[in-house]
Amino acid sequence: MSIQLHNLTKIYGTQLAVDHISFSAGKAEIVGFLGPNGAGKTTTMKMICGYLTPTEGDIEVCGIDIKEFPIEVKRKIGYLPEHNPLYKDMYVREYLMFFSKLLKISNPKQRVEDCIELTGLGQEQNKRIGSLSKGYRQRVGLSQALLHDPEVLILDEPTSGLDPNQLLEIRQLIRSIGNQKTLLLSTHIMQEVQALCDRVLIINKGKLIADETIGNLLNIQKNKRVISVEFSFLIDGSQLSRLPFVDSVQKLTDTKYLISSASDKDIRQDLFKLCTNNSWAILEMKEERSNMESVFNELTTSK
């Protein structure tokens, strides 16, 4: 396995940020790493990269123990953090050449050429980084992460803030890279997870709560019927859970709920009667198909 974690734990003072998680990822595998804000994703990725020291647990990258050989592990990893730190006054090619020399890459000129071609930076290579769009800045950060040809690539929110065209281009780039390397991808975009990932890890409140293929995760709701309902004002949500055949109620926003029932039970008529009796104005009510967003909400939202 390219990445192996065993009982990985991180404590900040009295806060348990990462709680004894274990997982592995193999070569040519794109693994989605999901969780709500503050769940422990970035902390976990920083520990794998060697930027943070675990409180407990073990990390191996390409069979190398990070505690014993931290420099060797870092040579195996390319990392693109969520807030991509770039020298904005430098030109793209100049910046990549600078880092290739810091990394002591043999034949740096050819390697920079290869990374520019791979990430589609050819037309932008002679521009200042500060003048680039966010999409192209992400490409520069990705090029930097790939300069030393790492076996493992860790991307933290690589498509955050991109427009639809940029998102599609970066997604295609990630897919092509993932055919050759182990790729751990953190994102909040569920469509991206379904489009890119072979497997999904979900972390919540520091604990790993799911490690499954996309197909297995979607099957979680196979035997359920899920109704999405949005009201025009705050309601007493506890009444929803008392409807006949309701299994669970998830509050998504102040006025929006997901209501689950057995697959053969259609609760919409009873739900409509409840709303009529209480004079609750419905803005929208619809049956949801099983998707990563609804599965994620079910697994990470407190009932």
C-alpha atoms as a PDB file:
ATOM      1  CA  MET A   1       0.000   0.000   0.000  1.00  0.00           C
ATOM      2  CA  SER A   2       1.187   3.543  -0.753  1.00  0.00           C
ATOM      3  CA  ILE A   3      -0.445   5.009   2.381  1.00  0.00           C
ATOM      4  CA  GLN A   4      -1.044   3.114   5.631  1.00  0.00           C
ATOM      5  CA  LEU A   5      -2.350   4.707   8.834  1.00  0.00           C
ATOM      6  CA  HIS A   6      -2.828   2.822  12.084  1.00  0.00           C
ATOM      7  CA  ASN A   7      -4.523   4.346  15.156  1.00  0.00           C
ATOM      8  CA  LEU A   8      -3.546   7.854  14.051  1.00  0.00           C
ATOM      9  CA  THR A   9      -4.391  10.382  16.769  1.00  0.00           C
ATOM     10  CA  LYS A  10      -3.854  14.109  17.257  1.00  0.00           C
ATOM     11  CA  ILE A  11      -4.660  16.038  20.427  1.00  0.00           C
ATOM     12  CA  TYR A  12      -4.405  19.823  20.717  1.00  0.00           C
ATOM     13  CA  GLY A  13      -4.421  20.601  24.435  1.00  0.00           C
ATOM     14  CA  THR A  14      -7.725  19.093  25.550  1.00  0.00           C
ATOM     15  CA  GLN A  15      -9.186  18.825  22.029  1.00  0.00           C
ATOM     16  CA  LEU A  16      -9.158  15.411  20.349  1.00  0.00           C
ATOM     17  CA  ALA A  17      -8.861  16.471  16.709  1.00  0.00           C
ATOM     18  CA  VAL A  18      -8.167  13.038  15.175  1.00  0.00           C
ATOM     19  CA  ASP A  19      -9.358   9.968  17.056  1.00  0.00           C
ATOM     20  CA  HIS A  20      -7.457   6.709  16.395  1.00  0.00           C
ATOM     21  CA  ILE A  21      -8.177   6.418  12.671  1.00  0.00           C
ATOM     22  CA  SER A  22      -6.798   3.666  10.421  1.00  0.00           C
ATOM     23  CA  PHE A  23      -6.969   3.302   6.647  1.00  0.00           C
ATOM     24  CA  SER A  24      -4.856   2.497   3.607  1.00  0.00           C
ATOM     25  CA  ALA A  25      -4.677   3.568  -0.044  1.00  0.00           C
ATOM     26  CA  GLY A  26      -3.047   1.776  -2.964  1.00  0.00           C
ATOM     27  CA  LYS A  27      -1.285   2.771  -6.157  1.00  0.00           C
ATOM     28  CA  ALA A  28      -3.417   4.233  -8.978  1.00  0.00           C
ATOM     29  CA  GLU A  29      -6.288   4.757  -6.544  1.00  0.00           C
ATOM     30  CA  ILE A  30      -8.163   8.043  -6.092  1.00  0.00           C
ATOM     31  CA  VAL A  31      -9.518   8.158  -2.546  1.00  0.00           C
ATOM     32  CA  GLY A  32     -11.985  10.851  -1.509  1.00  0.00           C
ATOM     33  CA  PHE A  33     -11.432  12.158   2.026  1.00  0.00           C
ATOM     34  CA  LEU A  34     -14.658  13.789   3.209  1.00  0.00           C
ATOM     35  CA  GLY A  35     -16.029  15.346   6.358  1.00  0.00           C
ATOM     36  CA  PRO A  36     -17.699  18.489   7.725  1.00  0.00           C
ATOM     37  CA  ASN A  37     -15.596  21.543   8.516  1.00  0.00           C
ATOM     38  CA  GLY A  38     -13.508  20.877  11.601  1.00  0.00           C
ATOM     39  CA  ALA A  39     -13.807  17.085  11.284  1.00  0.00           C
ATOM     40  CA  GLY A  40     -10.022  16.547  11.199  1.00  0.00           C
ATOM     41  CA  LYS A  41      -9.335  16.153   7.454  1.00  0.00           C
ATOM     42  CA  THR A  42      -6.624  18.783   7.082  1.00  0.00           C
ATOM     43  CA  THR A  43      -4.958  17.744  10.357  1.00  0.00           C
ATOM     44  CA  THR A  44      -4.801  14.147   9.095  1.00  0.00           C
ATOM     45  CA  MET A  45      -3.331  15.190   5.746  1.00  0.00           C
ATOM     46  CA  LYS A  46      -0.712  17.378   7.429  1.00  0.00           C
ATOM     47  CA  MET A  47       0.334  14.443   9.616  1.00  0.00           C
ATOM     48  CA  ILE A  48       0.701  12.205   6.543  1.00  0.00           C
ATOM     49  CA  CYS A  49       2.848  14.896   4.893  1.00  0.00           C
ATOM     50  CA  GLY A  50       5.013  15.295   8.003  1.00  0.00           C
ATOM     51  CA  TYR A  51       3.982  18.878   8.786  1.00  0.00           C
ATOM     52  CA  LEU A  52       2.384  17.804  12.081  1.00  0.00           C
ATOM     53  CA  THR A  53       3.565  15.148  14.540  1.00  0.00           C
ATOM     54  CA  PRO A  54       0.922  12.619  15.628  1.00  0.00           C
ATOM     55  CA  THR A  55       0.120  12.293  19.313  1.00  0.00           C
ATOM     56  CA  GLU A  56      -0.262   8.544  18.780  1.00  0.00           C
ATOM     57  CA  GLY A  57      -0.305   6.066  15.921  1.00  0.00           C
ATOM     58  CA  ASP A  58       1.776   5.098  12.918  1.00  0.00           C
ATOM     59  CA  ILE A  59       2.082   6.343   9.336  1.00  0.00           C
ATOM     60  CA  GLU A  60       3.786   4.526   6.487  1.00  0.00           C
ATOM     61  CA  VAL A  61       4.144   5.939   2.980  1.00  0.00           C
ATOM     62  CA  CYS A  62       5.334   3.519   0.305  1.00  0.00           C
ATOM     63  CA  GLY A  63       6.411   1.172   3.109  1.00  0.00           C
ATOM     64  CA  ILE A  64       8.512   3.814   4.889  1.00  0.00           C
ATOM     65  CA  ASP A  65       7.816   4.772   8.529  1.00  0.00           C
ATOM     66  CA  ILE A  66       7.477   8.538   8.839  1.00  0.00           C
ATOM     67  CA  LYS A  67       8.838   8.561  12.410  1.00  0.00           C
ATOM     68  CA  GLU A  68      12.062   6.814  11.413  1.00  0.00           C
ATOM     69  CA  PHE A  69      12.605   8.331   7.974  1.00  0.00           C
ATOM     70  CA  PRO A  70      10.686  11.650   7.714  1.00  0.00           C
ATOM     71  CA  ILE A  71      12.779  13.092   4.867  1.00  0.00           C
ATOM     72  CA  GLU A  72      12.431   9.950   2.767  1.00  0.00           C
ATOM     73  CA  VAL A  73       8.646  10.007   3.250  1.00  0.00           C
ATOM     74  CA  LYS A  74       8.420  13.655   2.198  1.00  0.00           C
ATOM     75  CA  ARG A  75      10.259  12.787  -1.013  1.00  0.00           C
ATOM     76  CA  LYS A  76       7.437  10.365  -1.833  1.00  0.00           C
ATOM     77  CA  ILE A  77       4.636  12.931  -1.352  1.00  0.00           C
ATOM     78  CA  GLY A  78       3.348  15.880  -3.355  1.00  0.00           C
ATOM     79  CA  TYR A  79       1.043  18.174  -1.367  1.00  0.00           C
ATOM     80  CA  LEU A  80      -1.328  20.908  -2.520  1.00  0.00           C
ATOM     81  CA  PRO A  81      -2.772  22.668   0.567  1.00  0.00           C
ATOM     82  CA  GLU A  82      -6.184  24.325   0.601  1.00  0.00           C
ATOM     83  CA  HIS A  83      -4.669  27.824   0.702  1.00  0.00           C
ATOM     84  CA  ASN A  84      -2.132  27.455  -2.068  1.00  0.00           C
ATOM     85  CA  PRO A  85       0.992  29.467  -1.023  1.00  0.00           C
ATOM     86  CA  LEU A  86       2.628  30.992  -4.101  1.00  0.00           C
ATOM     87  CA  TYR A  87       5.175  33.738  -4.729  1.00  0.00           C
ATOM     88  CA  LYS A  88       2.872  35.977  -6.745  1.00  0.00           C
ATOM     89  CA  ASP A  89       5.603  38.323  -7.972  1.00  0.00           C
ATOM     90  CA  MET A  90       7.442  35.490  -9.709  1.00  0.00           C
ATOM     91  CA  TYR A  91       6.767  34.259 -13.232  1.00  0.00           C
ATOM     92  CA  VAL A  92       5.354  30.759 -13.619  1.00  0.00           C
ATOM     93  CA  ARG A  93       8.424  29.204 -15.235  1.00  0.00           C
ATOM     94  CA  GLU A  94      10.766  31.102 -12.911  1.00  0.00           C
ATOM     95  CA  TYR A  95       8.836  29.863  -9.884  1.00  0.00           C
ATOM     96  CA  LEU A  96       8.914  26.216 -10.979  1.00  0.00           C
ATOM     97  CA  MET A  97      12.630  26.405 -11.823  1.00  0.00           C
ATOM     98  CA  PHE A  98      13.290  27.904  -8.378  1.00  0.00           C
ATOM     99  CA  PHE A  99      11.559  24.987  -6.639  1.00  0.00           C
ATOM    100  CA  SER A 100      13.105  22.352  -8.882  1.00  0.00           C
ATOM    101  CA  LYS A 101      16.529  23.575  -7.772  1.00  0.00           C
ATOM    102  CA  LEU A 102      15.474  23.562  -4.102  1.00  0.00           C
ATOM    103  CA  LEU A 103      14.359  19.962  -4.602  1.00  0.00           C
ATOM    104  CA  LYS A 104      17.691  19.153  -6.300  1.00  0.00           C
ATOM    105  CA  ILE A 105      15.938  17.644  -9.314  1.00  0.00           C
ATOM    106  CA  SER A 106      18.236  16.297 -11.994  1.00  0.00           C
ATOM    107  CA  ASN A 107      17.675  17.991 -15.349  1.00  0.00           C
ATOM    108  CA  PRO A 108      15.323  20.638 -13.831  1.00  0.00           C
ATOM    109  CA  LYS A 109      14.665  22.390 -17.149  1.00  0.00           C
ATOM    110  CA  GLN A 110      13.189  19.238 -18.713  1.00  0.00           C
ATOM    111  CA  ARG A 111      11.165  18.428 -15.587  1.00  0.00           C
ATOM    112  CA  VAL A 112       9.661  21.930 -15.516  1.00  0.00           C
ATOM    113  CA  GLU A 113       8.769  21.556 -19.208  1.00  0.00           C
ATOM    114  CA  ASP A 114       7.064  18.230 -18.478  1.00  0.00           C
ATOM    115  CA  CYS A 115       5.022  19.648 -15.570  1.00  0.00           C
ATOM    116  CA  ILE A 116       3.982  22.724 -17.552  1.00  0.00           C
ATOM    117  CA  GLU A 117       2.731  20.481 -20.370  1.00  0.00           C
ATOM    118  CA  LEU A 118       1.007  18.064 -17.979  1.00  0.00           C
ATOM    119  CA  THR A 119      -0.910  20.809 -16.151  1.00  0.00           C
ATOM    120  CA  GLY A 120      -1.749  22.885 -19.226  1.00  0.00           C
ATOM    121  CA  LEU A 121       0.281  25.950 -18.266  1.00  0.00           C
ATOM    122  CA  GLY A 122       1.953  26.436 -21.653  1.00  0.00           C
ATOM    123  CA  GLN A 123       0.200  29.696 -22.576  1.00  0.00           C
ATOM    124  CA  GLU A 124       0.628  31.100 -19.043  1.00  0.00           C
ATOM    125  CA  GLN A 125       4.231  30.089 -18.331  1.00  0.00           C
ATOM    126  CA  ASN A 126       5.699  33.553 -18.940  1.00  0.00           C
ATOM    127  CA  LYS A 127       3.123  35.449 -16.858  1.00  0.00           C
ATOM    128  CA  ARG A 128       3.403  36.619 -13.268  1.00  0.00           C
ATOM    129  CA  ILE A 129       1.596  34.260 -10.916  1.00  0.00           C
ATOM    130  CA  GLY A 130      -0.270  37.194  -9.363  1.00  0.00           C
ATOM    131  CA  SER A 131      -1.902  37.967 -12.719  1.00  0.00           C
ATOM    132  CA  LEU A 132      -3.303  34.447 -13.185  1.00  0.00           C
ATOM    133  CA  SER A 133      -6.874  33.333 -12.519  1.00  0.00           C
ATOM    134  CA  LYS A 134      -7.457  31.111  -9.512  1.00  0.00           C
ATOM    135  CA  GLY A 135      -7.770  28.080 -11.785  1.00  0.00           C
ATOM    136  CA  TYR A 136      -4.329  28.644 -13.261  1.00  0.00           C
ATOM    137  CA  ARG A 137      -2.844  29.359  -9.825  1.00  0.00           C
ATOM    138  CA  GLN A 138      -4.141  25.943  -8.753  1.00  0.00           C
ATOM    139  CA  ARG A 139      -2.365  24.475 -11.779  1.00  0.00           C
ATOM    140  CA  VAL A 140       0.873  26.164 -10.696  1.00  0.00           C
ATOM    141  CA  GLY A 141       0.510  24.686  -7.196  1.00  0.00           C
ATOM    142  CA  LEU A 142      -0.204  21.274  -8.710  1.00  0.00           C
ATOM    143  CA  SER A 143       2.858  21.589 -10.968  1.00  0.00           C
ATOM    144  CA  GLN A 144       4.991  22.389  -7.939  1.00  0.00           C
ATOM    145  CA  ALA A 145       3.608  19.345  -6.092  1.00  0.00           C
ATOM    146  CA  LEU A 146       4.459  17.146  -9.092  1.00  0.00           C
ATOM    147  CA  LEU A 147       7.981  18.456  -9.752  1.00  0.00           C
ATOM    148  CA  HIS A 148       9.771  15.662  -7.888  1.00  0.00           C
ATOM    149  CA  ASP A 149       7.477  13.025  -9.458  1.00  0.00           C
ATOM    150  CA  PRO A 150       6.016  11.795  -6.143  1.00  0.00           C
ATOM    151  CA  GLU A 151       4.296   8.431  -5.805  1.00  0.00           C
ATOM    152  CA  VAL A 152       1.603   9.915  -3.540  1.00  0.00           C
ATOM    153  CA  LEU A 153      -0.343  13.117  -4.172  1.00  0.00           C
ATOM    154  CA  ILE A 154      -2.419  14.767  -1.443  1.00  0.00           C
ATOM    155  CA  LEU A 155      -4.840  17.504  -2.522  1.00  0.00           C
ATOM    156  CA  ASP A 156      -6.762  19.589   0.019  1.00  0.00           C
ATOM    157  CA  GLU A 157      -9.803  21.279  -1.606  1.00  0.00           C
ATOM    158  CA  PRO A 158      -8.088  21.628  -5.019  1.00  0.00           C
ATOM    159  CA  THR A 159     -11.216  22.958  -6.785  1.00  0.00           C
ATOM    160  CA  SER A 160     -12.452  25.358  -4.094  1.00  0.00           C
ATOM    161  CA  GLY A 161     -13.621  28.673  -5.572  1.00  0.00           C
ATOM    162  CA  LEU A 162     -13.207  27.676  -9.209  1.00  0.00           C
ATOM    163  CA  ASP A 163     -15.759  28.530 -11.870  1.00  0.00           C
ATOM    164  CA  PRO A 164     -17.516  25.614 -13.685  1.00  0.00           C
ATOM    165  CA  ASN A 165     -15.093  25.614 -16.625  1.00  0.00           C
ATOM    166  CA  GLN A 166     -12.018  25.695 -14.385  1.00  0.00           C
ATOM    167  CA  LEU A 167     -13.532  22.993 -12.175  1.00  0.00           C
ATOM    168  CA  LEU A 168     -14.032  20.675 -15.141  1.00  0.00           C
ATOM    169  CA  GLU A 169     -10.472  21.234 -16.385  1.00  0.00           C
ATOM    170  CA  ILE A 170      -8.870  20.587 -12.976  1.00  0.00           C
ATOM    171  CA  ARG A 171     -11.103  17.526 -12.494  1.00  0.00           C
ATOM    172  CA  GLN A 172      -9.909  16.062 -15.813  1.00  0.00           C
ATOM    173  CA  LEU A 173      -6.313  16.783 -14.819  1.00  0.00           C
ATOM    174  CA  ILE A 174      -6.738  15.064 -11.452  1.00  0.00           C
ATOM    175  CA  ARG A 175      -8.288  12.017 -13.129  1.00  0.00           C
ATOM    176  CA  SER A 176      -5.352  11.662 -15.530  1.00  0.00           C
ATOM    177  CA  ILE A 177      -2.802  11.989 -12.706  1.00  0.00           C
ATOM    178  CA  GLY A 178      -4.719   9.479 -10.587  1.00  0.00           C
ATOM    179  CA  ASN A 179      -4.152   6.772 -13.209  1.00  0.00           C
ATOM    180  CA  GLN A 180      -0.488   6.650 -12.211  1.00  0.00           C
ATOM    181  CA  LYS A 181      -0.282   7.766  -8.575  1.00  0.00           C
ATOM    182  CA  THR A 182      -1.980   7.274  -5.236  1.00  0.00           C
ATOM    183  CA  LEU A 183      -4.207  10.307  -4.798  1.00  0.00           C
ATOM    184  CA  LEU A 184      -5.903  11.420  -1.553  1.00  0.00           C
ATOM    185  CA  LEU A 185      -8.465  14.107  -2.353  1.00  0.00           C
ATOM    186  CA  SER A 186     -10.296  16.291   0.166  1.00  0.00           C
ATOM    187  CA  THR A 187     -13.364  18.115  -1.154  1.00  0.00           C
ATOM    188  CA  HIS A 188     -16.836  19.336  -0.201  1.00  0.00           C
ATOM    189  CA  ILE A 189     -18.159  18.909  -3.749  1.00  0.00           C
ATOM    190  CA  MET A 190     -20.071  15.627  -3.760  1.00  0.00           C
ATOM    191  CA  GLN A 191     -20.464  15.514  -7.566  1.00  0.00           C
ATOM    192  CA  GLU A 192     -16.686  15.638  -7.748  1.00  0.00           C
ATOM    193  CA  VAL A 193     -16.425  12.643  -5.444  1.00  0.00           C
ATOM    194  CA  GLN A 194     -18.801  10.585  -7.599  1.00  0.00           C
ATOM    195  CA  ALA A 195     -16.990  11.640 -10.777  1.00  0.00           C
ATOM    196  CA  LEU A 196     -13.418  11.014  -9.591  1.00  0.00           C
ATOM    197  CA  CYS A 197     -13.075   8.688  -6.637  1.00  0.00           C
ATOM    198  CA  ASP A 198     -12.661   4.918  -6.496  1.00  0.00           C
ATOM    199  CA  ARG A 199     -13.252   4.861  -2.755  1.00  0.00           C
ATOM    200  CA  VAL A 200     -14.449   7.267  -0.067  1.00  0.00           C
ATOM    201  CA  LEU A 201     -13.331   7.877   3.507  1.00  0.00           C
ATOM    202  CA  ILE A 202     -15.638   9.944   5.718  1.00  0.00           C
ATOM    203  CA  ILE A 203     -14.401  11.468   8.953  1.00  0.00           C
ATOM    204  CA  ASN A 204     -16.655  13.148  11.519  1.00  0.00           C
ATOM    205  CA  LYS A 205     -15.622  14.653  14.849  1.00  0.00           C
ATOM    206  CA  GLY A 206     -12.187  13.094  14.451  1.00  0.00           C
ATOM    207  CA  LYS A 207     -13.490   9.549  13.894  1.00  0.00           C
ATOM    208  CA  LEU A 208     -13.447   7.573  10.665  1.00  0.00           C
ATOM    209  CA  ILE A 209     -17.100   6.625  10.131  1.00  0.00           C
ATOM    210  CA  ALA A 210     -16.984   5.198   6.583  1.00  0.00           C
ATOM    211  CA  ASP A 211     -14.452   3.517   4.290  1.00  0.00           C
ATOM    212  CA  GLU A 212     -16.355   2.255   1.261  1.00  0.00           C
ATOM    213  CA  THR A 213     -16.597   2.275  -2.509  1.00  0.00           C
ATOM    214  CA  ILE A 214     -19.024   4.774  -4.051  1.00  0.00           C
ATOM    215  CA  GLY A 215     -21.418   1.954  -4.912  1.00  0.00           C
ATOM    216  CA  ASN A 216     -21.509   0.608  -1.355  1.00  0.00           C
ATOM    217  CA  LEU A 217     -22.109   4.068   0.072  1.00  0.00           C
ATOM    218  CA  LEU A 218     -25.002   4.732  -2.279  1.00  0.00           C
ATOM    219  CA  ASN A 219     -26.527   1.398  -1.236  1.00  0.00           C
ATOM    220  CA  ILE A 220     -26.902   2.767   2.295  1.00  0.00           C
ATOM    221  CA  GLN A 221     -30.119   4.423   1.108  1.00  0.00           C
ATOM    222  CA  LYS A 222     -31.223   1.649  -1.255  1.00  0.00           C
ATOM    223  CA  ASN A 223     -33.971   0.464   1.122  1.00  0.00           C
ATOM    224  CA  LYS A 224     -35.049   3.962   2.127  1.00  0.00           C
ATOM    225  CA  ARG A 225     -37.296   6.631   0.729  1.00  0.00           C
ATOM    226  CA  VAL A 226     -35.990  10.156   1.305  1.00  0.00           C
ATOM    227  CA  ILE A 227     -38.176  13.260   1.110  1.00  0.00           C
ATOM    228  CA  SER A 228     -36.689  16.746   1.043  1.00  0.00           C
ATOM    229  CA  VAL A 229     -38.983  19.489   2.364  1.00  0.00           C
ATOM    230  CA  GLU A 230     -38.314  23.216   2.761  1.00  0.00           C
ATOM    231  CA  PHE A 231     -40.583  25.573   4.698  1.00  0.00           C
ATOM    232  CA  SER A 232     -40.928  29.335   4.451  1.00  0.00           C
ATOM    233  CA  PHE A 233     -40.270  29.809   8.199  1.00  0.00           C
ATOM    234  CA  LEU A 234     -39.100  27.950  11.302  1.00  0.00           C
ATOM    235  CA  ILE A 235     -41.290  25.022  12.349  1.00  0.00           C
ATOM    236  CA  ASP A 236     -41.419  22.517  15.187  1.00  0.00           C
ATOM    237  CA  GLY A 237     -39.296  19.826  13.537  1.00  0.00           C
ATOM    238  CA  SER A 238     -39.971  17.305  16.291  1.00  0.00           C
ATOM    239  CA  GLN A 239     -43.444  16.776  14.837  1.00  0.00           C
ATOM    240  CA  LEU A 240     -41.924  15.424  11.619  1.00  0.00           C
ATOM    241  CA  SER A 241     -40.342  12.480  13.421  1.00  0.00           C
ATOM    242  CA  ARG A 242     -43.731  11.489  14.849  1.00  0.00           C
ATOM    243  CA  LEU A 243     -45.248  10.883  11.408  1.00  0.00           C
ATOM    244  CA  PRO A 244     -46.129   7.224  10.646  1.00  0.00           C
ATOM    245  CA  PHE A 245     -43.292   5.137   9.148  1.00  0.00           C
ATOM    246  CA  VAL A 246     -40.642   7.890   9.542  1.00  0.00           C
ATOM    247  CA  ASP A 247     -37.219   6.377  10.337  1.00  0.00           C
ATOM    248  CA  SER A 248     -35.155   9.558  10.709  1.00  0.00           C
ATOM    249  CA  VAL A 249     -35.279  13.328  10.266  1.00  0.00           C
ATOM    250  CA  GLN A 250     -32.209  15.400   9.408  1.00  0.00           C
ATOM    251  CA  LYS A 251     -32.255  19.179   9.758  1.00  0.00           C
ATOM    252  CA  LEU A 252     -30.164  20.593   6.905  1.00  0.00           C
ATOM    253  CA  THR A 253     -30.859  24.305   7.500  1.00  0.00           C
ATOM    254  CA  ASP A 254     -33.202  26.273   9.750  1.00  0.00           C
ATOM    255  CA  THR A 255     -36.069  25.567   7.354  1.00  0.00           C
ATOM    256  CA  LYS A 256     -35.030  22.485   5.334  1.00  0.00           C
ATOM    257  CA  TYR A 257     -35.285  18.801   6.353  1.00  0.00           C
ATOM    258  CA  LEU A 258     -34.551  15.359   4.946  1.00  0.00           C
ATOM    259  CA  ILE A 259     -37.088  12.761   6.073  1.00  0.00           C
ATOM    260  CA  SER A 260     -36.387   9.040   5.621  1.00  0.00           C
ATOM    261  CA  SER A 261     -38.886   6.191   5.605  1.00  0.00           C
ATOM    262  CA  ALA A 262     -38.942   2.564   4.485  1.00  0.00           C
ATOM    263  CA  SER A 263     -38.719   2.224   0.692  1.00  0.00           C
ATOM    264  CA  ASP A 264     -42.324   0.995   0.375  1.00  0.00           C
ATOM    265  CA  LYS A 265     -43.809   3.818   2.481  1.00  0.00           C
ATOM    266  CA  ASP A 266     -44.752   7.111   0.827  1.00  0.00           C
ATOM    267  CA  ILE A 267     -45.177   9.637   3.633  1.00  0.00           C
ATOM    268  CA  ARG A 268     -45.907  12.668   1.457  1.00  0.00           C
ATOM    269  CA  GLN A 269     -49.682  12.629   1.977  1.00  0.00           C
ATOM    270  CA  ASP A 270     -49.324  12.461   5.782  1.00  0.00           C
ATOM    271  CA  LEU A 271     -46.634  15.122   5.658  1.00  0.00           C
ATOM    272  CA  PHE A 272     -48.877  17.432   3.639  1.00  0.00           C
ATOM    273  CA  LYS A 273     -51.736  16.933   6.126  1.00  0.00           C
ATOM    274  CA  LEU A 274     -49.427  17.786   9.028  1.00  0.00           C
ATOM    275  CA  CYS A 275     -48.342  20.985   7.285  1.00  0.00           C
ATOM    276  CA  THR A 276     -51.946  21.944   6.508  1.00  0.00           C
ATOM    277  CA  ASN A 277     -53.054  21.395  10.109  1.00  0.00           C
ATOM    278  CA  ASN A 278     -50.212  23.577  11.387  1.00  0.00           C
ATOM    279  CA  SER A 279     -50.461  26.211   8.610  1.00  0.00           C
ATOM    280  CA  TRP A 280     -46.856  25.519   7.594  1.00  0.00           C
ATOM    281  CA  ALA A 281     -46.113  26.995   4.168  1.00  0.00           C
ATOM    282  CA  ILE A 282     -44.080  24.605   2.000  1.00  0.00           C
ATOM    283  CA  LEU A 283     -41.619  26.145  -0.450  1.00  0.00           C
ATOM    284  CA  GLU A 284     -40.525  22.801  -1.876  1.00  0.00           C
ATOM    285  CA  MET A 285     -41.175  19.082  -1.314  1.00  0.00           C
ATOM    286  CA  LYS A 286     -39.597  16.360  -3.442  1.00  0.00           C
ATOM    287  CA  GLU A 287     -38.351  12.801  -3.320  1.00  0.00           C
ATOM    288  CA  GLU A 288     -34.557  12.596  -3.357  1.00  0.00           C
ATOM    289  CA  ARG A 289     -32.606  10.009  -5.292  1.00  0.00           C
ATOM    290  CA  SER A 290     -29.742   8.325  -3.496  1.00  0.00           C
ATOM    291  CA  ASN A 291     -26.590  10.395  -4.024  1.00  0.00           C
ATOM    292  CA  MET A 292     -23.367  11.186  -2.220  1.00  0.00           C
ATOM    293  CA  GLU A 293     -24.772  14.404  -0.776  1.00  0.00           C
ATOM    294  CA  SER A 294     -27.704  12.673   0.923  1.00  0.00           C
ATOM    295  CA  VAL A 295     -25.501   9.809   2.161  1.00  0.00           C
ATOM    296  CA  PHE A 296     -22.970  12.312   3.528  1.00  0.00           C
ATOM    297  CA  ASN A 297     -25.738  14.209   5.321  1.00  0.00           C
ATOM    298  CA  GLU A 298     -27.132  11.010   6.800  1.00  0.00           C
ATOM    299  CA  LEU A 299     -23.749   9.865   8.116  1.00  0.00           C
ATOM    300  CA  THR A 300     -22.497  13.177   9.482  1.00  0.00           C
ATOM    301  CA  THR A 301     -25.638  14.962  10.720  1.00  0.00           C
ATOM    302  CA  SER A 302     -26.655  14.360  14.307  1.00  0.00           C
ATOM    303  CA  LYS A 303     -30.115  12.909  14.525  1.00  0.00           C
END
